[in-house]
């Protein structure tokens, strides 16, 4: 007779983590909804976020009083003649209806995580995902500084003051064991860290970036390990009560490390007809101060699309992006960088390594392009 597992979501042998994550997510969301309904609790009303001065290292940590939060690192790396893109994201989501409950088992915060490697020479994307409710040593996000854990995945700071970060994300088909070092000051997005995301003032987030991170460590694809010879990364940390306007179904976003040390952020929130509900971004030259884009200064024009064989969604994988800094072409390094995260956050989106080409036709940087809401409307 087989001994029952101590964790009801982890079978004693041959675990199917994809199915486990599906069941766990369904259980947590159903449980949270049922508890909220039974308690007669309603979600908190959404208000405009006030301007404030971000405090570090505190604001590297979690903000559990806010509905949505993420820590997001993307980058590119070289190992010998091989080139890779990589991304890792930890999400935190507050369940409004359970906040007044006192039980340790109440699902008050959910943590999700995504990780991916783009194998440029192999022309393929490898990705994985995790989900768990916060607590019991399984999933935790510190409020003191950047220290996020979800089972065997973690993102931490090497010191309370920041400056050095480490990420360890093992998976069955690939893995990341990376260290990041700051080479430039923090970049506060929007107006001193308050970033507007829609026509209503309540559609905003607290948002800062850490561009031009130096990268070392190793990537693993199956049993082959690749020591990183050179690489650059970009960190975003964002938290909010509401981002999407009711008419917005998704967004297009780029974060680019330029070869000369500059940093470019550009985004737009998009409606069902492909129009811009809102747009924004910033440009900071190496050693300079950021120029924050006013509404209407970031214009996205699709040039070429790719159709996913998995979802049949069509993604613009080449864009003409007009900004106050220059008019750029953003071009995917490989087309198929679609991520299916229906086992965790529920979204299908495109996120991948891309080149930045200036108006003179010269490649001037590399970073990540993210596109949501093409396979299905995004709901947050």
Protein backbone atom coordinates (compact mmCIF):
# COMPACT_ATOMS: atom_id res chain seq x y z
CA UNK A 1 0.00 0.00 0.00
CA UNK A 2 1.34 3.43 -0.95
CA UNK A 3 1.77 5.89 1.92
CA UNK A 4 -0.39 9.01 1.47
CA UNK A 5 1.73 12.06 0.65
CA UNK A 6 2.08 14.68 3.39
CA UNK A 7 1.38 17.42 0.84
CA UNK A 8 -1.97 16.75 -0.89
CA UNK A 9 -0.71 18.58 -3.97
CA UNK A 10 2.52 16.55 -4.29
CA UNK A 11 2.15 12.81 -5.10
CA UNK A 12 4.64 10.40 -3.58
CA UNK A 13 6.32 9.62 -6.90
CA UNK A 14 6.43 10.79 -10.50
CA UNK A 15 4.89 14.19 -9.75
CA UNK A 16 3.02 15.89 -12.59
CA UNK A 17 3.68 19.47 -11.50
CA UNK A 18 1.68 20.95 -14.34
CA UNK A 19 -1.46 19.18 -13.14
CA UNK A 20 -0.58 19.90 -9.52
CA UNK A 21 -0.31 23.60 -10.27
CA UNK A 22 -3.64 23.53 -12.11
CA UNK A 23 -5.43 21.84 -9.22
CA UNK A 24 -3.76 24.07 -6.66
CA UNK A 25 -4.67 27.25 -8.52
CA UNK A 26 -8.28 26.12 -8.96
CA UNK A 27 -8.50 25.14 -5.30
CA UNK A 28 -7.05 28.42 -4.05
CA UNK A 29 -9.22 30.63 -6.27
CA UNK A 30 -12.39 28.67 -5.48
CA UNK A 31 -11.57 28.72 -1.79
CA UNK A 32 -10.88 32.42 -1.74
CA UNK A 33 -14.13 33.16 -3.58
CA UNK A 34 -16.14 30.93 -1.26
CA UNK A 35 -14.63 32.46 1.87
CA UNK A 36 -15.32 35.96 0.61
CA UNK A 37 -18.91 35.13 -0.24
CA UNK A 38 -19.47 33.42 3.12
CA UNK A 39 -18.04 36.35 5.03
CA UNK A 40 -20.06 38.89 3.03
CA UNK A 41 -16.89 40.77 2.18
CA UNK A 42 -16.50 43.05 -0.84
CA UNK A 43 -13.30 44.07 -2.61
CA UNK A 44 -11.73 47.30 -1.44
CA UNK A 45 -12.64 50.37 -3.46
CA UNK A 46 -9.96 51.55 -5.85
CA UNK A 47 -8.57 55.04 -5.34
CA UNK A 48 -6.03 57.15 -7.17
CA UNK A 49 -2.52 56.51 -5.93
CA UNK A 50 -0.91 59.50 -4.21
CA UNK A 51 2.50 60.76 -5.19
CA UNK A 52 5.10 59.68 -2.67
CA UNK A 53 8.83 59.29 -2.24
CA UNK A 54 9.89 55.68 -2.70
CA UNK A 55 12.09 54.42 0.11
CA UNK A 56 14.87 51.90 -0.39
CA UNK A 57 15.55 49.16 0.54
CA UNK A 58 11.94 48.98 1.83
CA UNK A 59 10.35 49.48 -1.58
CA UNK A 60 12.36 46.63 -3.07
CA UNK A 61 10.17 44.41 -0.93
CA UNK A 62 6.52 43.39 -1.14
CA UNK A 63 3.52 45.69 -0.70
CA UNK A 64 0.76 43.29 0.38
CA UNK A 65 -1.80 46.08 0.84
CA UNK A 66 -1.82 46.55 -2.94
CA UNK A 67 -3.75 44.24 -5.22
CA UNK A 68 -1.06 43.44 -7.80
CA UNK A 69 2.73 43.40 -7.76
CA UNK A 70 5.57 41.95 -9.79
CA UNK A 71 9.35 41.68 -9.85
CA UNK A 72 10.51 41.17 -13.41
CA UNK A 73 14.01 40.57 -14.80
CA UNK A 74 14.81 40.14 -18.48
CA UNK A 75 18.14 39.99 -20.22
CA UNK A 76 20.45 38.53 -22.78
CA UNK A 77 23.62 36.52 -22.29
CA UNK A 78 26.43 35.02 -24.29
CA UNK A 79 28.28 31.78 -23.59
CA UNK A 80 31.03 31.24 -26.14
CA UNK A 81 29.31 31.33 -29.52
CA UNK A 82 25.84 30.71 -28.05
CA UNK A 83 23.37 33.52 -27.35
CA UNK A 84 20.37 33.41 -25.03
CA UNK A 85 17.56 35.52 -23.75
CA UNK A 86 16.10 34.93 -20.30
CA UNK A 87 13.24 36.20 -18.20
CA UNK A 88 11.97 35.57 -14.70
CA UNK A 89 8.92 37.10 -13.07
CA UNK A 90 7.46 36.76 -9.59
CA UNK A 91 3.88 37.97 -9.18
CA UNK A 92 1.95 38.66 -5.98
CA UNK A 93 -1.84 38.97 -5.99
CA UNK A 94 -3.95 40.02 -2.98
CA UNK A 95 -7.30 38.25 -2.51
CA UNK A 96 -9.56 41.08 -1.33
CA UNK A 97 -12.35 38.99 0.19
CA UNK A 98 -10.14 37.08 2.63
CA UNK A 99 -8.21 39.92 4.23
CA UNK A 100 -10.37 40.07 7.38
CA UNK A 101 -10.20 36.32 8.02
CA UNK A 102 -8.00 35.15 10.88
CA UNK A 103 -7.36 31.55 9.84
CA UNK A 104 -3.77 30.69 8.91
CA UNK A 105 -5.26 28.73 6.02
CA UNK A 106 -7.04 31.73 4.48
CA UNK A 107 -5.60 32.40 1.03
CA UNK A 108 -4.84 36.11 1.49
CA UNK A 109 -1.95 36.38 -0.98
CA UNK A 110 -1.16 34.26 -4.03
CA UNK A 111 2.32 34.05 -5.53
CA UNK A 112 2.99 33.10 -9.14
CA UNK A 113 6.24 32.83 -11.06
CA UNK A 114 7.30 32.46 -14.69
CA UNK A 115 10.72 31.67 -16.11
CA UNK A 116 11.94 31.25 -19.68
CA UNK A 117 15.06 30.89 -21.78
CA UNK A 118 15.24 31.85 -25.44
CA UNK A 119 17.80 29.66 -27.21
CA UNK A 120 18.76 31.88 -30.15
CA UNK A 121 20.78 29.32 -32.10
CA UNK A 122 18.27 26.57 -31.37
CA UNK A 123 15.40 28.92 -32.32
CA UNK A 124 13.23 27.78 -29.43
CA UNK A 125 11.74 28.99 -26.18
CA UNK A 126 11.72 26.96 -22.96
CA UNK A 127 9.46 28.08 -20.13
CA UNK A 128 7.92 26.96 -16.85
CA UNK A 129 5.64 28.35 -14.13
CA UNK A 130 4.78 28.04 -10.45
CA UNK A 131 1.84 29.02 -8.21
CA UNK A 132 1.14 28.77 -4.47
CA UNK A 133 -0.62 30.66 -1.73
CA UNK A 134 1.64 32.62 0.59
CA UNK A 135 2.69 31.04 3.85
CA UNK A 136 3.85 27.82 5.47
CA UNK A 137 7.39 28.32 4.15
CA UNK A 138 6.28 27.39 0.62
CA UNK A 139 5.80 30.86 -0.85
CA UNK A 140 6.91 34.11 0.77
CA UNK A 141 7.60 37.71 -0.26
CA UNK A 142 9.47 39.80 2.29
CA UNK A 143 8.29 43.35 2.99
CA UNK A 144 11.75 44.48 4.14
CA UNK A 145 13.66 44.03 0.89
CA UNK A 146 13.66 41.99 -2.29
CA UNK A 147 13.38 38.39 -1.12
CA UNK A 148 10.78 36.32 -2.95
CA UNK A 149 10.44 32.55 -2.76
CA UNK A 150 8.07 30.15 -4.46
CA UNK A 151 8.93 26.54 -3.64
CA UNK A 152 12.36 25.94 -5.21
CA UNK A 153 12.45 29.29 -7.09
CA UNK A 154 13.80 32.44 -5.46
CA UNK A 155 14.92 35.99 -6.14
CA UNK A 156 16.94 37.70 -3.42
CA UNK A 157 19.23 40.63 -2.71
CA UNK A 158 22.76 39.89 -1.57
CA UNK A 159 22.56 42.78 0.93
CA UNK A 160 19.79 44.85 2.46
CA UNK A 161 21.06 47.93 0.63
CA UNK A 162 20.65 46.25 -2.76
CA UNK A 163 23.17 46.49 -5.55
CA UNK A 164 23.50 42.73 -5.95
CA UNK A 165 20.73 40.26 -6.73
CA UNK A 166 20.59 36.50 -7.17
CA UNK A 167 18.02 34.30 -8.90
CA UNK A 168 17.83 30.51 -8.74
CA UNK A 169 15.08 28.89 -10.79
CA UNK A 170 15.55 25.17 -11.53
CA UNK A 171 13.17 23.41 -13.89
CA UNK A 172 12.95 19.99 -15.51
CA UNK A 173 14.09 21.12 -18.98
CA UNK A 174 16.16 24.18 -18.12
CA UNK A 175 17.41 26.29 -15.25
CA UNK A 176 18.71 29.72 -14.27
CA UNK A 177 21.36 30.40 -11.65
CA UNK A 178 22.16 34.08 -12.11
CA UNK A 179 23.71 36.99 -10.26
CA UNK A 180 23.06 40.62 -11.17
CA UNK A 181 25.11 43.71 -10.30
CA UNK A 182 23.95 47.31 -10.55
CA UNK A 183 26.02 49.54 -12.81
CA UNK A 184 23.69 52.58 -12.76
CA UNK A 185 21.32 54.30 -10.32
CA UNK A 186 17.68 53.27 -10.04
CA UNK A 187 15.37 54.69 -12.71
CA UNK A 188 12.10 56.00 -11.28
CA UNK A 189 9.42 55.66 -13.94
CA UNK A 190 6.68 58.22 -14.49
CA UNK A 191 6.68 61.15 -12.08
CA UNK A 192 9.26 60.16 -9.47
CA UNK A 193 8.02 56.57 -9.43
CA UNK A 194 4.28 57.15 -9.94
CA UNK A 195 3.50 55.84 -13.43
CA UNK A 196 0.16 56.68 -15.04
CA UNK A 197 -1.42 53.79 -16.95
CA UNK A 198 -4.78 55.11 -18.15
CA UNK A 199 -7.12 58.07 -18.62
CA UNK A 200 -8.36 57.75 -15.02
CA UNK A 201 -5.98 58.79 -12.26
CA UNK A 202 -6.64 55.54 -10.38
CA UNK A 203 -5.02 53.60 -13.27
CA UNK A 204 -1.46 53.98 -12.10
CA UNK A 205 1.35 52.11 -10.43
CA UNK A 206 4.43 52.70 -8.36
CA UNK A 207 7.18 51.67 -10.74
CA UNK A 208 10.95 51.71 -10.86
CA UNK A 209 13.50 50.03 -13.10
CA UNK A 210 17.11 48.96 -12.76
CA UNK A 211 18.56 48.94 -16.31
CA UNK A 212 22.04 47.92 -17.43
CA UNK A 213 22.51 45.19 -14.84
CA UNK A 214 25.69 43.17 -15.33
CA UNK A 215 25.01 39.42 -15.41
CA UNK A 216 27.06 36.40 -14.44
CA UNK A 217 26.27 32.80 -13.54
CA UNK A 218 24.99 30.00 -15.71
CA UNK A 219 22.03 28.82 -17.75
CA UNK A 220 21.09 25.18 -18.18
CA UNK A 221 19.26 23.55 -21.08
CA UNK A 222 18.50 19.95 -20.22
CA UNK A 223 21.84 18.52 -19.03
CA UNK A 224 24.01 21.11 -20.77
CA UNK A 225 25.32 24.03 -18.72
CA UNK A 226 26.39 27.36 -20.20
CA UNK A 227 28.63 29.68 -18.18
CA UNK A 228 27.84 33.30 -19.01
CA UNK A 229 30.73 35.21 -20.58
CA UNK A 230 28.83 38.48 -20.97
CA UNK A 231 25.30 39.73 -20.48
CA UNK A 232 22.99 42.58 -19.55
CA UNK A 233 19.70 42.54 -17.72
CA UNK A 234 16.80 44.82 -16.83
CA UNK A 235 14.79 44.72 -13.60
CA UNK A 236 11.29 46.16 -13.18
CA UNK A 237 9.36 46.30 -9.91
CA UNK A 238 5.78 47.53 -10.03
CA UNK A 239 2.80 47.51 -7.67
CA UNK A 240 -0.72 48.90 -8.05
CA UNK A 241 -4.41 48.72 -7.24
CA UNK A 242 -5.58 49.11 -10.83
CA UNK A 243 -3.71 49.27 -14.14
CA UNK A 244 -6.15 48.42 -16.92
CA UNK A 245 -8.86 50.83 -18.04
CA UNK A 246 -12.13 48.96 -18.79
CA UNK A 247 -11.59 49.47 -22.53
CA UNK A 248 -8.01 48.12 -22.46
CA UNK A 249 -7.50 44.47 -23.42
CA UNK A 250 -3.70 44.34 -23.14
CA UNK A 251 -0.45 46.20 -23.64
CA UNK A 252 2.70 46.43 -25.73
CA UNK A 253 5.89 47.17 -23.75
CA UNK A 254 9.62 47.33 -24.39
CA UNK A 255 12.56 47.63 -22.01
CA UNK A 256 15.84 48.12 -23.87
CA UNK A 257 19.44 48.34 -22.71
CA UNK A 258 21.28 50.36 -25.35
CA UNK A 259 24.90 49.56 -26.14
CA UNK A 260 26.02 53.07 -25.13
CA UNK A 261 24.56 52.68 -21.63
CA UNK A 262 21.24 54.40 -22.30
CA UNK A 263 17.91 52.92 -21.21
CA UNK A 264 14.61 53.03 -23.12
CA UNK A 265 11.17 52.15 -21.76
CA UNK A 266 8.09 52.47 -23.95
CA UNK A 267 4.58 51.12 -23.55
CA UNK A 268 1.01 51.53 -24.65
CA UNK A 269 -2.27 50.16 -23.30
CA UNK A 270 -4.34 48.89 -26.24
CA UNK A 271 -8.09 48.61 -26.93
CA UNK A 272 -9.84 45.88 -28.93
CA UNK A 273 -9.42 47.86 -32.17
CA UNK A 274 -5.68 48.22 -31.70
CA UNK A 275 -5.84 51.85 -30.64
CA UNK A 276 -3.87 53.35 -27.76
CA UNK A 277 -5.86 53.81 -24.55
CA UNK A 278 -2.73 55.24 -22.94
CA UNK A 279 0.99 55.39 -23.69
CA UNK A 280 4.17 56.41 -21.95
CA UNK A 281 7.77 55.59 -21.22
CA UNK A 282 11.12 57.18 -20.56
CA UNK A 283 14.61 57.55 -21.97
CA UNK A 284 17.75 57.97 -19.90
CA UNK A 285 21.13 58.54 -21.52
CA UNK A 286 24.13 57.03 -19.76
CA UNK A 287 24.98 59.34 -16.88
CA UNK A 288 22.01 61.57 -17.64
CA UNK A 289 18.60 62.30 -16.14
CA UNK A 290 15.47 60.57 -17.47
CA UNK A 291 13.13 62.22 -19.94
CA UNK A 292 9.59 61.04 -19.16
CA UNK A 293 7.32 60.77 -22.19
CA UNK A 294 4.08 62.70 -22.22
CA UNK A 295 0.94 61.02 -23.47
CA UNK A 296 1.02 60.72 -27.26
CA UNK A 297 4.83 60.75 -27.51
CA UNK A 298 5.10 56.97 -27.83
CA UNK A 299 3.57 55.66 -31.05
CA UNK A 300 3.56 51.96 -32.01
CA UNK A 301 3.09 50.83 -35.61
CA UNK A 302 3.16 47.08 -36.42
CA UNK A 303 5.35 46.09 -39.37
CA UNK A 304 5.25 42.28 -39.42
CA UNK A 305 3.22 39.64 -37.59
CA UNK A 306 3.70 36.00 -36.65
CA UNK A 307 0.85 33.54 -36.07
CA UNK A 308 1.17 31.08 -33.21
CA UNK A 309 0.60 27.46 -34.25
CA UNK A 310 -0.50 26.70 -30.68
CA UNK A 311 -3.12 29.40 -30.08
CA UNK A 312 -3.61 30.87 -33.59
CA UNK A 313 -3.01 34.30 -32.06
CA UNK A 314 -1.25 36.80 -34.31
CA UNK A 315 1.51 38.89 -32.70
CA UNK A 316 3.34 41.85 -34.26
CA UNK A 317 6.95 40.66 -33.91
CA UNK A 318 8.38 43.73 -35.65
CA UNK A 319 7.37 47.26 -34.75
CA UNK A 320 8.14 50.82 -35.71
CA UNK A 321 8.19 52.70 -32.40
CA UNK A 322 8.31 56.49 -32.42
CA UNK A 323 9.69 58.11 -29.25
CA UNK A 324 11.18 61.51 -28.36
CA UNK A 325 14.62 59.85 -28.31
CA UNK A 326 14.43 58.42 -31.87
CA UNK A 327 12.22 56.36 -34.13
CA UNK A 328 13.23 52.73 -33.67
CA UNK A 329 12.52 49.37 -35.21
CA UNK A 330 11.96 46.69 -32.58
CA UNK A 331 12.52 43.24 -34.06
CA UNK A 332 12.12 39.85 -32.39
CA UNK A 333 15.30 37.77 -32.44
CA UNK A 334 13.11 34.69 -33.05
CA UNK A 335 9.38 34.78 -33.75
CA UNK A 336 8.10 32.00 -31.51
CA UNK A 337 8.42 33.41 -28.00
CA UNK A 338 4.81 32.92 -26.90
CA UNK A 339 4.24 31.86 -23.29
CA UNK A 340 1.23 29.84 -22.21
CA UNK A 341 0.71 30.57 -18.51
CA UNK A 342 -2.81 29.24 -18.19
CA UNK A 343 -1.60 26.92 -15.42
CA UNK A 344 -0.68 29.90 -13.21
CA UNK A 345 -1.74 33.47 -14.00
CA UNK A 346 -4.16 32.31 -16.69
CA UNK A 347 -2.75 34.48 -19.48
CA UNK A 348 -1.28 33.67 -22.87
CA UNK A 349 1.19 36.31 -24.00
CA UNK A 350 4.29 36.96 -26.09
CA UNK A 351 7.48 37.99 -24.34
CA UNK A 352 10.86 37.70 -25.96
CA UNK A 353 14.35 38.83 -26.76
CA UNK A 354 14.36 41.58 -29.38
CA UNK A 355 16.78 43.94 -31.11
CA UNK A 356 16.54 47.72 -31.12
CA UNK A 357 17.45 49.36 -34.44
CA UNK A 358 17.72 53.14 -34.77
CA UNK A 359 16.49 55.37 -37.60
CA UNK A 360 19.84 54.94 -39.40
CA UNK A 361 19.31 51.18 -39.58
CA UNK A 362 21.99 50.34 -36.99
CA UNK A 363 21.36 47.92 -34.15
CA UNK A 364 21.89 50.00 -31.00
CA UNK A 365 20.54 47.80 -28.25
CA UNK A 366 18.84 44.64 -27.17
CA UNK A 367 16.13 43.92 -24.64
CA UNK A 368 12.64 42.53 -24.28
CA UNK A 369 9.32 43.09 -26.00
CA UNK A 370 6.14 42.04 -24.19
CA UNK A 371 2.68 41.83 -25.79
CA UNK A 372 -0.49 40.83 -23.92
CA UNK A 373 -4.12 40.58 -24.93
CA UNK A 374 -3.63 39.10 -28.40
CA UNK A 375 -4.72 35.53 -27.68
CA UNK A 376 -7.47 36.68 -25.31
CA UNK A 377 -8.30 39.92 -23.47
CA UNK A 378 -6.14 40.38 -20.39
CA UNK A 379 -7.96 40.66 -17.08
CA UNK A 380 -6.27 41.91 -13.90
